[in-house]
Each structure stands twice: as C-alpha cells, then as structure tokens.
Protein backbone atom coordinates (compact mmCIF):
# COMPACT_ATOMS: atom_id res chain seq x y z
CA UNK A 1 113.08 85.50 111.80
CA UNK A 2 110.14 87.83 112.15
CA UNK A 3 109.27 90.49 109.61
CA UNK A 4 107.12 93.59 109.69
CA UNK A 5 105.32 95.02 106.67
CA UNK A 6 104.79 98.70 106.11
CA UNK A 7 101.47 99.01 104.25
CA UNK A 8 100.90 102.77 104.01
CA UNK A 9 103.14 105.34 105.66
CA UNK A 10 106.15 106.13 106.22
CA UNK A 11 125.30 113.48 103.65
CA UNK A 12 127.82 111.34 103.80
CA UNK A 13 128.46 107.76 102.72
CA UNK A 14 130.13 105.36 100.33
CA UNK A 15 128.66 105.26 96.83
CA UNK A 16 129.92 102.83 94.26
CA UNK A 17 129.21 100.65 91.29
CA UNK A 18 131.05 97.96 89.41
CA UNK A 19 134.71 97.39 90.33
CA UNK A 20 134.77 100.31 92.79
CA UNK A 21 132.63 98.38 95.30
CA UNK A 22 135.45 96.43 96.93
CA UNK A 23 137.85 99.38 97.15
CA UNK A 24 135.24 101.64 98.75
CA UNK A 25 134.32 98.99 101.31
CA UNK A 26 137.96 98.73 102.32
CA UNK A 27 137.93 102.45 103.16
CA UNK A 28 135.06 101.98 105.64
CA UNK A 29 136.20 102.28 109.23
CA UNK A 30 136.28 99.03 111.17
CA UNK A 31 133.04 98.59 113.09
CA UNK A 32 131.05 101.08 111.01
CA UNK A 33 127.51 100.07 110.05
CA UNK A 34 127.23 99.70 106.28
CA UNK A 35 123.95 99.37 104.38
CA UNK A 36 124.00 98.23 100.76
CA UNK A 37 121.34 99.69 98.46
CA UNK A 38 120.36 97.55 95.47
CA UNK A 39 118.32 99.37 92.78
CA UNK A 40 115.88 96.94 91.11
CA UNK A 41 114.29 97.49 87.71
CA UNK A 42 113.71 101.01 86.38
CA UNK A 43 113.95 102.91 89.67
CA UNK A 44 115.24 106.46 89.18
CA UNK A 45 118.90 106.95 90.09
CA UNK A 46 118.00 110.26 91.75
CA UNK A 47 115.59 108.46 94.08
CA UNK A 48 118.27 105.96 95.04
CA UNK A 49 120.74 108.76 95.77
CA UNK A 50 118.11 110.59 97.81
CA UNK A 51 117.48 107.53 99.98
CA UNK A 52 121.22 107.04 100.44
CA UNK A 53 121.59 110.61 101.65
CA UNK A 54 118.56 110.37 103.95
CA UNK A 55 119.73 107.13 105.57
CA UNK A 56 123.20 108.53 106.15
CA UNK A 57 121.82 111.70 107.72
CA UNK A 58 119.14 110.02 109.86
CA UNK A 59 120.87 106.88 111.12
CA UNK A 60 124.50 107.92 110.71
CA UNK A 61 125.30 104.81 108.68
CA UNK A 62 127.53 104.34 105.67
CA UNK A 63 125.84 103.55 102.36
CA UNK A 64 127.02 101.51 99.40
CA UNK A 65 125.00 101.75 96.18
CA UNK A 66 125.30 98.51 94.24
CA UNK A 67 124.96 98.12 90.46
CA UNK A 68 121.33 98.00 89.30
CA UNK A 69 119.74 94.59 88.74
CA UNK A 70 116.52 93.35 87.16
CA UNK A 71 113.77 92.10 89.46
CA UNK A 72 114.14 88.37 90.12
CA UNK A 73 111.73 86.40 87.94
CA UNK A 74 111.40 83.79 90.70
CA UNK A 75 109.53 86.40 92.80
CA UNK A 76 107.02 87.31 90.07
CA UNK A 77 103.36 86.38 90.57
CA UNK A 78 102.32 84.32 87.55
CA UNK A 79 100.47 86.20 84.80
CA UNK A 80 100.95 89.57 86.56
CA UNK A 81 103.56 92.30 86.99
CA UNK A 82 103.48 91.99 90.79
CA UNK A 83 106.28 90.64 92.96
CA UNK A 84 106.26 88.80 96.27
CA UNK A 85 108.02 90.98 98.86
CA UNK A 86 108.61 87.94 101.10
CA UNK A 87 110.44 86.15 98.28
CA UNK A 88 112.41 89.29 97.44
CA UNK A 89 113.69 89.51 101.03
CA UNK A 90 115.05 85.98 100.86
CA UNK A 91 116.64 86.75 97.49
CA UNK A 92 118.16 90.00 98.80
CA UNK A 93 119.98 88.15 101.59
CA UNK A 94 121.90 86.29 98.90
CA UNK A 95 122.82 89.59 97.18
CA UNK A 96 124.18 91.26 100.33
CA UNK A 97 127.95 91.84 100.18
CA UNK A 98 129.66 90.03 103.05
CA UNK A 99 131.16 93.28 104.29
CA UNK A 100 127.74 94.96 104.64
CA UNK A 101 125.46 94.72 107.67
CA UNK A 102 122.20 94.80 105.72
CA UNK A 103 120.76 95.34 102.25
CA UNK A 104 117.92 97.56 101.02
CA UNK A 105 116.17 96.80 97.75
CA UNK A 106 114.52 99.76 95.99
CA UNK A 107 112.08 99.30 93.13
CA UNK A 108 109.24 100.91 91.21
CA UNK A 109 107.41 97.60 90.70
CA UNK A 110 104.30 96.57 92.64
CA UNK A 111 105.07 94.36 95.66
CA UNK A 112 102.75 92.37 97.92
CA UNK A 113 102.62 90.17 101.00
CA UNK A 114 100.09 88.00 102.86
CA UNK A 115 98.03 90.28 105.13
CA UNK A 116 94.57 90.10 106.71
CA UNK A 117 93.78 86.81 104.96
CA UNK A 118 94.64 88.43 101.62
CA UNK A 119 97.63 86.62 100.08
CA UNK A 120 98.28 89.47 97.61
CA UNK A 121 98.03 92.58 99.81
CA UNK A 122 99.79 95.47 98.07
CA UNK A 123 102.42 97.23 100.18
CA UNK A 124 105.01 100.01 100.13
CA UNK A 125 107.69 98.10 102.00
CA UNK A 126 108.65 95.02 103.96
CA UNK A 127 111.56 94.36 106.29
CA UNK A 128 112.86 91.76 108.72
CA UNK A 129 112.70 92.74 112.41
CA UNK A 130 115.48 92.57 113.36
CA UNK A 131 117.30 91.48 110.26
CA UNK A 132 119.52 92.16 107.31
CA UNK A 133 117.13 92.86 104.43
CA UNK A 134 114.23 95.11 103.47
CA UNK A 135 112.49 96.15 100.26
CA UNK A 136 110.66 99.38 99.40
CA UNK A 137 108.62 100.37 96.35
CA UNK A 138 107.25 103.67 95.07
CA UNK A 139 104.60 101.94 92.92
CA UNK A 140 101.71 102.84 95.26
CA UNK A 141 103.23 106.18 96.20
CA UNK A 142 102.96 107.69 92.73
CA UNK A 143 99.36 108.64 93.46
CA UNK A 144 100.66 111.28 95.87
CA UNK A 145 102.41 113.29 93.14
CA UNK A 146 105.15 115.57 94.43
CA UNK A 147 104.94 113.93 97.87
CA UNK A 148 106.09 110.61 96.45
CA UNK A 149 109.76 110.97 97.36
CA UNK A 150 108.95 112.31 100.83
CA UNK A 151 106.76 109.30 101.54
CA UNK A 152 109.30 106.89 100.01
CA UNK A 153 111.88 108.32 102.39
CA UNK A 154 109.58 107.69 105.36
CA UNK A 155 108.90 104.13 104.20
CA UNK A 156 112.63 103.49 103.85
CA UNK A 157 113.55 104.92 107.25
CA UNK A 158 110.71 102.86 108.75
CA UNK A 159 111.84 99.57 107.20
CA UNK A 160 115.49 100.12 108.11
CA UNK A 161 114.22 100.88 111.61
CA UNK A 162 112.71 97.39 111.68
CA UNK A 163 116.03 95.94 110.50
CA UNK A 164 117.64 97.69 113.45
CA UNK A 165 115.15 96.06 115.81
CA UNK A 166 112.50 98.77 116.21
CA UNK A 167 108.87 97.55 116.54
CA UNK A 168 105.80 99.43 115.42
CA UNK A 169 105.07 102.45 117.63
CA UNK A 170 101.73 103.53 119.08
CA UNK A 171 103.05 106.26 121.39
CA UNK A 172 103.11 109.24 119.05
CA UNK A 173 101.33 109.84 115.72
CA UNK A 174 104.34 111.67 114.27
CA UNK A 175 106.82 108.85 115.00
CA UNK A 176 107.96 107.28 111.74
CA UNK A 177 107.64 103.80 113.26
CA UNK A 178 103.84 103.99 113.35
CA UNK A 179 101.91 101.12 111.80
CA UNK A 180 99.76 102.45 108.95
CA UNK A 181 97.15 99.69 109.54
CA UNK A 182 95.99 99.78 105.95
CA UNK A 183 95.11 103.46 105.67
CA UNK A 184 96.84 106.49 104.18
CA UNK A 185 96.32 108.71 107.21
CA UNK A 186 99.72 108.09 108.77
CA UNK A 187 101.43 109.23 105.58
CA UNK A 188 100.41 112.77 106.37
CA UNK A 189 101.03 112.62 110.13
CA UNK A 190 104.47 111.01 110.30
CA UNK A 191 107.72 112.93 110.22
CA UNK A 192 111.39 112.07 109.90
CA UNK A 193 111.45 111.66 113.65
CA UNK A 194 111.59 108.92 116.29
CA UNK A 195 109.63 109.43 119.49
CA UNK A 196 111.70 109.31 122.72
CA UNK A 197 110.70 105.69 123.33
CA UNK A 198 111.80 104.49 119.89
CA UNK A 199 114.94 106.61 120.06
CA UNK A 200 115.88 104.94 123.35
CA UNK A 201 115.27 101.49 121.92
CA UNK A 202 117.45 102.29 118.92
CA UNK A 203 120.35 103.30 121.15
CA UNK A 204 120.35 100.01 123.08
CA UNK A 205 123.09 97.55 122.06
C-alpha cells in the first residue's frame, strides 16, 4: 500500500463517545461513507469538532468522533517526544471500527517520516493512497498563529483526499492536493477547493 506525506500545506455527521458509538453507527444509512476521528493526546476538542464539520461539508461524509486516546508508546522515537507517522498509520488501522471506511488520527504531538534521505523529517500529515488511515498534527502549524486551524483543515482535507485515491496535483496552485515539497509557500496559496481534474478523479468509482 502506497502512502503520501503532506509536509507543509494544506455540518452534518455522527458524533459520539463511549457507549454511544455503536448506536450512532447503526443509524448511519447503508452504503454511507463513514470516517472515524480519533483524538490523540492533548488535542483540543474544538479542533476535532472543527475538522469533523469541515470533512462533512467538503466531502459529504459521515463522521464519528471516537473517545480520546494517548499516543501509542510503540511509535515514540527513543529519548524524544517525536512520533513515527508511519508507525501511527499501522496502529490506527487496528483502532478503526469495523463499520467505518477509514480512520483519521488528530494530534498536537510532533510527527515525522523518512523523506529526502532524512529518516526523521518533520511533517504535518501522512496518509495512505488509497487507504483507510491518515494522521495529522498541528505541532508545526502553531507557528502560524491564528491561521493554525485553517491550515490544519487544509492538511486534513488533503490527507483524506489521499485516502480517497487522489494523487498530488500540479495543475493549479490553489488546489488543496498540491504537494508542498518542503516549503511553506503552498500554505498561503491553497484553498478549500479541488481543481477540475482532481474533482473528476474523486467522482470516479
């Protein structure tokens, strides 16, 4: 399974925790696409709710917010506070409720992947393409102050786009599927918008 990393970018639904999870899933229409959101660590509940609302509005999917969990210690880089995004993705697949199509992990901890011969390249997000898991972090977005949540939304929509099969886009600078290529420039150019090419790809079965 291939994965794509997002280095620098980028309402209605079911929301539940605890024992309400199963009952809410049963209310989901047969065939509806359901994305589970798993808050990890000390991520703000308001941020999680924001991403749920944005995903529902943009992709038209149902959302299920799972009870918060601590970051898996098995994914922690020894003697640091950094976590392997690749390991988190594998762990997330085991946390995905059977009734859900995919799972999104959301954290405020620093995450990294192997990129450009650097085994500890810090990133904002990582997702399988196509696939059933992605992870996003606001750790490196805090430097942008009041734009943090806007950029976190773009990162999330981007990574879910990969889960849905969308590749990186080079057709339009405002398309949210652009590859940041290690710079912050795309953060300020991208919008909550898919170019016609990406939109067509998304609509294909």
